[in-house]
Amino acid sequence: MRKETTKLRAGTLPVTSAELPPPLDEPAVEDLRLENILAALADPLRLFIVHKLMVESDAYDHPCGWFGLDRPKSSLTHHFKALREAGVIRQRQYGLERRSRLRREDLDARFPGLLSLVENWQPPADAHMHQDTNERRAARTSA
């Protein structure tokens, strides 16, 4: 039983909310601005991140690797920071790892209906969210 508890805590949220690390800096609900949220969601990769959180699981804090994005760490850090600073996601620091979760309740309270648009969005068939870095680089140089 002890091993299962350790595995659960390493792979998902801690069992009680008292064990959660504090969230990183984010705007308060009353400070959420529609133009900032729309600007953050205007990037296809960020829209993909939020859509995946909504459709697959917004019940846990997820590490960056859960999203399956083959992008440089610095690029992903930038995108997650933009989503957090706009107020779309909440991030917590778990040791050396930041984990993300959608601020669904806050966004629904402030902008009713906005997230249903994101939930119904379908990524384009030619979206390169998971494309290997070397393949993207080769595609850019051959174009």
Protein backbone atom coordinates (compact mmCIF):
# COMPACT_ATOMS: atom_id res chain seq x y z
CA MET A 1 0.00 0.00 0.00
CA ARG A 2 2.81 2.42 0.78
CA LYS A 3 4.30 2.05 -2.74
CA GLU A 4 0.91 2.84 -4.34
CA THR A 5 0.57 5.99 -2.27
CA THR A 6 4.07 7.12 -3.27
CA LYS A 7 3.37 6.37 -6.93
CA LEU A 8 0.07 8.25 -6.79
CA ARG A 9 1.71 11.30 -5.27
CA ALA A 10 4.57 11.29 -7.78
CA GLY A 11 2.31 10.84 -10.81
CA THR A 12 -0.77 12.88 -9.93
CA LEU A 13 -1.98 15.42 -7.42
CA PRO A 14 -1.26 14.89 -3.74
CA VAL A 15 -4.14 13.29 -1.89
CA THR A 16 -5.33 16.34 0.08
CA SER A 17 -5.48 20.00 -0.89
CA ALA A 18 -3.40 20.85 2.19
CA GLU A 19 -0.47 19.04 0.54
CA LEU A 20 -0.63 21.09 -2.66
CA PRO A 21 2.18 23.53 -3.34
CA PRO A 22 0.98 27.12 -3.74
CA PRO A 23 0.13 28.26 -7.29
CA LEU A 24 2.60 30.42 -9.17
CA ASP A 25 1.69 34.08 -9.74
CA GLU A 26 -1.53 34.47 -11.72
CA PRO A 27 -4.20 37.14 -12.10
CA ALA A 28 -7.11 37.10 -9.65
CA VAL A 29 -10.51 36.19 -11.10
CA GLU A 30 -11.66 39.82 -11.08
CA ASP A 31 -8.49 40.83 -12.95
CA LEU A 32 -8.98 38.37 -15.83
CA ARG A 33 -9.17 40.34 -19.10
CA LEU A 34 -10.85 38.92 -22.18
CA GLU A 35 -8.30 40.49 -24.53
CA ASN A 36 -5.43 38.80 -22.66
CA ILE A 37 -7.15 35.43 -22.73
CA LEU A 38 -7.99 35.70 -26.42
CA ALA A 39 -4.41 36.76 -27.21
CA ALA A 40 -3.09 33.71 -25.35
CA LEU A 41 -5.54 31.41 -27.14
CA ALA A 42 -4.72 32.92 -30.56
CA ASP A 43 -1.58 30.80 -30.72
CA PRO A 44 -2.44 27.33 -32.13
CA LEU A 45 -0.09 25.49 -29.76
CA ARG A 46 -1.60 27.19 -26.71
CA LEU A 47 -5.10 26.50 -27.98
CA PHE A 48 -4.10 22.85 -28.38
CA ILE A 49 -2.77 22.76 -24.78
CA VAL A 50 -6.00 24.19 -23.36
CA HIS A 51 -8.16 21.94 -25.55
CA LYS A 52 -6.24 18.86 -24.39
CA LEU A 53 -6.67 19.88 -20.74
CA MET A 54 -10.41 20.28 -21.25
CA VAL A 55 -11.10 17.18 -23.30
CA GLU A 56 -8.74 14.68 -21.72
CA SER A 57 -8.41 15.73 -18.08
CA ASP A 58 -8.72 18.95 -16.16
CA ALA A 59 -8.98 17.15 -12.82
CA TYR A 60 -5.23 17.00 -12.14
CA ASP A 61 -2.11 19.13 -12.39
CA HIS A 62 -0.24 17.80 -15.43
CA PRO A 63 3.50 17.88 -16.12
CA CYS A 64 4.70 19.28 -19.43
CA GLY A 65 5.49 15.79 -20.76
CA TRP A 66 1.83 14.73 -20.42
CA PHE A 67 0.91 16.96 -23.36
CA GLY A 68 3.14 14.99 -25.75
CA LEU A 69 4.53 18.09 -27.43
CA ASP A 70 7.84 17.72 -29.23
CA ARG A 71 9.09 21.27 -28.83
CA PRO A 72 12.17 22.74 -27.18
CA LYS A 73 11.80 23.19 -23.42
CA SER A 74 12.35 26.96 -23.72
CA SER A 75 9.50 27.22 -26.24
CA LEU A 76 7.11 25.24 -24.04
CA THR A 77 8.09 27.30 -21.00
CA HIS A 78 7.20 30.45 -22.94
CA HIS A 79 3.79 29.09 -24.01
CA PHE A 80 2.83 27.83 -20.55
CA LYS A 81 3.90 31.14 -19.00
CA ALA A 82 1.76 33.07 -21.50
CA LEU A 83 -1.27 30.92 -20.60
CA ARG A 84 -0.63 31.35 -16.86
CA GLU A 85 -0.11 35.11 -17.05
CA ALA A 86 -3.32 35.49 -19.06
CA GLY A 87 -5.16 33.52 -16.36
CA VAL A 88 -6.06 30.50 -18.49
CA ILE A 89 -4.09 27.90 -16.52
CA ARG A 90 -2.84 27.52 -12.97
CA GLN A 91 0.67 26.20 -12.42
CA ARG A 92 2.25 24.73 -9.31
CA GLN A 93 5.89 23.93 -8.69
CA TYR A 94 6.46 20.28 -7.69
CA GLY A 95 10.17 20.13 -6.95
CA LEU A 96 11.89 20.82 -10.28
CA GLU A 97 8.70 20.32 -12.29
CA ARG A 98 5.85 22.71 -13.04
CA ARG A 99 2.43 21.19 -13.50
CA SER A 100 -0.54 22.84 -15.13
CA ARG A 101 -4.30 22.76 -14.77
CA LEU A 102 -7.09 24.70 -16.49
CA ARG A 103 -8.75 27.44 -14.41
CA ARG A 104 -12.17 26.23 -15.58
CA GLU A 105 -14.26 27.55 -12.69
CA ASP A 106 -12.61 30.98 -12.79
CA LEU A 107 -12.97 31.32 -16.56
CA ASP A 108 -16.58 30.09 -16.57
CA ALA A 109 -17.46 32.57 -13.82
CA ARG A 110 -15.83 35.52 -15.58
CA PHE A 111 -16.57 34.66 -19.24
CA PRO A 112 -19.49 32.20 -19.49
CA GLY A 113 -19.45 30.20 -22.73
CA LEU A 114 -15.85 30.95 -23.69
CA LEU A 115 -14.53 27.52 -22.78
CA SER A 116 -17.32 25.73 -24.65
CA LEU A 117 -15.93 27.32 -27.83
CA VAL A 118 -12.48 25.96 -27.03
CA GLU A 119 -13.91 22.55 -26.16
CA ASN A 120 -15.68 22.31 -29.53
CA TRP A 121 -12.57 23.39 -31.47
CA GLN A 122 -10.99 20.72 -33.66
CA PRO A 123 -7.26 20.94 -34.41
CA PRO A 124 -6.63 21.10 -38.17
CA ALA A 125 -5.67 17.79 -39.76
CA ASP A 126 -2.32 19.24 -40.81
CA ALA A 127 -1.49 20.58 -37.33
CA HIS A 128 2.13 19.85 -36.42
CA MET A 129 1.74 19.80 -32.65
CA HIS A 130 3.73 16.57 -32.29
CA GLN A 131 6.11 16.95 -35.20
CA ASP A 132 9.75 16.20 -34.49
CA THR A 133 11.99 19.25 -34.13
CA ASN A 134 14.32 18.04 -36.91
CA GLU A 135 11.37 17.52 -39.28
CA ARG A 136 10.13 21.08 -38.63
CA ARG A 137 13.61 22.48 -39.20
CA ALA A 138 13.95 20.53 -42.48
CA ALA A 139 10.51 21.71 -43.63
CA ARG A 140 11.46 25.36 -42.98
CA THR A 141 14.75 25.13 -44.86
CA SER A 142 13.24 23.34 -47.86
CA ALA A 143 10.40 25.86 -48.26
